[in-house]
């Protein structure tokens, strides 16, 4: 399904028609669009974290090869590598929804693995330094693209949320339904 753009949630959400006429939608339809945006945002967030993690693993392998680098086996360093707090986390002040559906987690993993296998990085210890650097760069480019798509989805989500807030302000009882 991922290969058919008309069926992908990201394409539906980013289609300009998605936010046209929000004021004319029923409350249920508006909430459905909000939920679709939130689901896509959560999927993209998961995908971004997977890409970042893979890039961190490869970067650690590259750095471990350098002078004075950590020569401990990569698998033994994974916990340390992946627990590093180097990411700038931004909060939107929203409650975090836990639980991306299993099929979406599988899609995200497949996407990262496809990129990983395309770049030849399934086993980073087999790559020379240049190939490893290229793979890190490919992951960084993909992470940037996913982040851009996520920002676009958040902008659309904000538009849908604004319409919901307007309705709730006009009629607070709607928030109870």
Protein backbone atom coordinates (compact mmCIF):
# COMPACT_ATOMS: atom_id res chain seq x y z
CA UNK A 1 0.00 0.00 0.00
CA UNK A 2 2.93 2.32 0.68
CA UNK A 3 3.76 2.38 -3.04
CA UNK A 4 0.37 3.79 -4.08
CA UNK A 5 0.38 7.53 -3.29
CA UNK A 6 -3.42 7.90 -3.52
CA UNK A 7 -3.82 5.49 -0.63
CA UNK A 8 -1.12 6.87 1.65
CA UNK A 9 -2.30 8.83 4.66
CA UNK A 10 0.51 11.38 4.25
CA UNK A 11 -0.75 12.22 0.77
CA UNK A 12 -4.36 12.57 1.95
CA UNK A 13 -3.35 14.79 4.86
CA UNK A 14 -1.01 16.98 2.80
CA UNK A 15 -3.50 17.38 -0.05
CA UNK A 16 -4.64 21.04 0.06
CA UNK A 17 -8.26 19.83 -0.17
CA UNK A 18 -7.86 18.21 3.27
CA UNK A 19 -8.30 21.56 5.05
CA UNK A 20 -10.64 23.26 2.59
CA UNK A 21 -14.08 23.85 4.05
CA UNK A 22 -13.29 22.72 7.59
CA UNK A 23 -16.02 25.01 8.89
CA UNK A 24 -18.60 23.10 6.86
CA UNK A 25 -17.65 19.64 8.16
CA UNK A 26 -19.59 17.82 10.83
CA UNK A 27 -17.93 17.63 14.23
CA UNK A 28 -17.33 13.90 13.72
CA UNK A 29 -15.69 14.47 10.32
CA UNK A 30 -13.52 17.23 11.77
CA UNK A 31 -12.41 15.00 14.64
CA UNK A 32 -11.70 12.22 12.15
CA UNK A 33 -9.37 14.55 10.22
CA UNK A 34 -7.68 15.60 13.45
CA UNK A 35 -7.15 11.97 14.37
CA UNK A 36 -5.77 11.20 10.91
CA UNK A 37 -3.29 14.08 11.26
CA UNK A 38 -2.27 12.90 14.71
CA UNK A 39 -1.78 9.34 13.49
CA UNK A 40 0.46 10.56 10.66
CA UNK A 41 2.43 12.78 13.01
CA UNK A 42 2.99 9.83 15.36
CA UNK A 43 4.07 7.59 12.49
CA UNK A 44 6.51 10.21 11.21
CA UNK A 45 7.86 10.73 14.74
CA UNK A 46 8.50 7.00 15.07
CA UNK A 47 10.15 6.87 11.65
CA UNK A 48 12.34 9.84 12.51
CA UNK A 49 13.45 8.21 15.77
CA UNK A 50 14.30 4.97 13.94
CA UNK A 51 16.37 6.87 11.39
CA UNK A 52 18.16 8.82 14.11
CA UNK A 53 18.92 5.64 16.02
CA UNK A 54 20.34 3.91 12.95
CA UNK A 55 22.47 6.98 12.14
CA UNK A 56 23.75 7.10 15.73
CA UNK A 57 24.79 3.46 15.55
CA UNK A 58 26.68 4.06 12.31
CA UNK A 59 28.28 7.24 13.63
CA UNK A 60 29.48 5.37 16.72
CA UNK A 61 30.99 2.68 14.50
CA UNK A 62 32.80 5.32 12.45
CA UNK A 63 34.05 7.16 15.53
CA UNK A 64 35.12 3.88 17.13
CA UNK A 65 37.47 3.30 14.23
CA UNK A 66 39.29 6.57 14.73
CA UNK A 67 42.35 7.22 16.85
CA UNK A 68 41.41 6.81 20.49
CA UNK A 69 37.99 5.49 19.51
CA UNK A 70 36.06 2.97 21.57
CA UNK A 71 37.15 -0.43 20.23
CA UNK A 72 34.47 -2.28 22.20
CA UNK A 73 32.26 -4.36 19.90
CA UNK A 74 29.41 -2.33 18.44
CA UNK A 75 26.73 -4.62 19.84
CA UNK A 76 28.14 -4.11 23.36
CA UNK A 77 27.94 -0.32 22.96
CA UNK A 78 24.35 -0.17 21.66
CA UNK A 79 22.73 0.76 24.97
CA UNK A 80 25.15 3.63 25.47
CA UNK A 81 24.85 4.79 21.86
CA UNK A 82 21.06 4.79 21.81
CA UNK A 83 20.62 6.31 25.26
CA UNK A 84 22.72 9.39 24.48
CA UNK A 85 20.68 12.53 25.02
CA UNK A 86 22.00 14.51 22.06
CA UNK A 87 18.64 15.26 20.46
CA UNK A 88 16.95 18.58 20.86
CA UNK A 89 13.43 17.66 21.84
CA UNK A 90 10.69 20.16 21.29
CA UNK A 91 7.37 19.89 23.00
CA UNK A 92 4.09 21.15 21.65
CA UNK A 93 2.57 21.04 25.12
CA UNK A 94 0.38 18.08 24.16
CA UNK A 95 -0.12 14.82 25.93
CA UNK A 96 1.97 12.19 24.21
CA UNK A 97 -0.09 9.41 22.74
CA UNK A 98 1.49 6.09 23.34
CA UNK A 99 1.10 3.29 20.88
CA UNK A 100 1.69 3.47 17.17
CA UNK A 101 -0.27 0.57 15.64
CA UNK A 102 1.86 -2.51 14.99
CA UNK A 103 1.33 -2.36 11.21
CA UNK A 104 2.66 1.22 11.16
CA UNK A 105 5.65 0.27 13.27
CA UNK A 106 6.34 -2.48 10.76
CA UNK A 107 6.06 -0.01 7.86
CA UNK A 108 8.49 2.38 9.56
CA UNK A 109 10.97 -0.41 10.27
CA UNK A 110 10.72 -1.67 6.69
CA UNK A 111 11.33 1.83 5.34
CA UNK A 112 14.45 2.25 7.49
CA UNK A 113 15.66 -1.26 6.68
CA UNK A 114 15.10 -0.68 2.96
CA UNK A 115 17.22 2.46 3.19
CA UNK A 116 19.75 0.57 5.30
CA UNK A 117 20.01 -2.30 2.86
CA UNK A 118 20.16 0.09 -0.09
CA UNK A 119 23.07 1.81 1.58
CA UNK A 120 24.66 -1.51 2.51
CA UNK A 121 24.57 -0.78 6.23
CA UNK A 122 22.94 -3.89 7.63
CA UNK A 123 26.32 -4.75 9.16
CA UNK A 124 28.32 -1.53 9.54
CA UNK A 125 31.47 -3.39 10.53
CA UNK A 126 31.78 -4.64 6.93
CA UNK A 127 31.84 -1.15 5.41
CA UNK A 128 34.89 0.95 4.80
CA UNK A 129 34.97 4.46 6.26
CA UNK A 130 33.79 6.16 3.06
CA UNK A 131 30.83 3.81 2.62
CA UNK A 132 29.94 4.26 6.27
CA UNK A 133 30.07 8.05 5.93
CA UNK A 134 27.87 7.84 2.82
CA UNK A 135 25.34 5.71 4.68
CA UNK A 136 25.27 8.18 7.59
CA UNK A 137 24.68 10.98 5.10
CA UNK A 138 21.85 9.06 3.39
CA UNK A 139 20.15 8.51 6.75
CA UNK A 140 20.57 12.18 7.65
CA UNK A 141 18.97 13.24 4.35
CA UNK A 142 16.06 10.87 4.92
CA UNK A 143 15.65 12.09 8.52
CA UNK A 144 15.58 15.68 7.25
CA UNK A 145 12.87 14.79 4.70
CA UNK A 146 10.80 13.01 7.34
CA UNK A 147 11.18 16.00 9.67
CA UNK A 148 10.00 18.36 6.93
CA UNK A 149 6.96 16.16 6.26
CA UNK A 150 6.24 16.02 10.00
CA UNK A 151 6.38 19.82 10.25
CA UNK A 152 3.92 20.09 7.36
CA UNK A 153 1.56 17.62 9.05
CA UNK A 154 1.80 19.57 12.31
CA UNK A 155 0.85 22.77 10.48
CA UNK A 156 -2.20 21.01 9.02
CA UNK A 157 -3.05 19.53 12.41
CA UNK A 158 -2.87 23.01 13.93
CA UNK A 159 -5.35 24.27 11.33
CA UNK A 160 -7.79 21.46 12.11
CA UNK A 161 -7.31 21.96 15.85
CA UNK A 162 -7.99 25.69 15.48
CA UNK A 163 -11.37 24.90 13.91
CA UNK A 164 -12.17 22.49 16.73
CA UNK A 165 -11.18 25.09 19.34
CA UNK A 166 -13.35 27.69 17.62
CA UNK A 167 -16.33 25.37 17.78
CA UNK A 168 -15.70 24.45 21.40
CA UNK A 169 -15.41 28.11 22.30
CA UNK A 170 -18.70 28.89 20.52
CA UNK A 171 -20.44 25.91 22.14
CA UNK A 172 -18.49 24.37 25.08
CA UNK A 173 -20.96 21.47 25.27
CA UNK A 174 -19.51 20.10 22.02
CA UNK A 175 -16.32 19.17 23.86
CA UNK A 176 -18.34 16.69 25.92
CA UNK A 177 -19.60 14.71 22.93
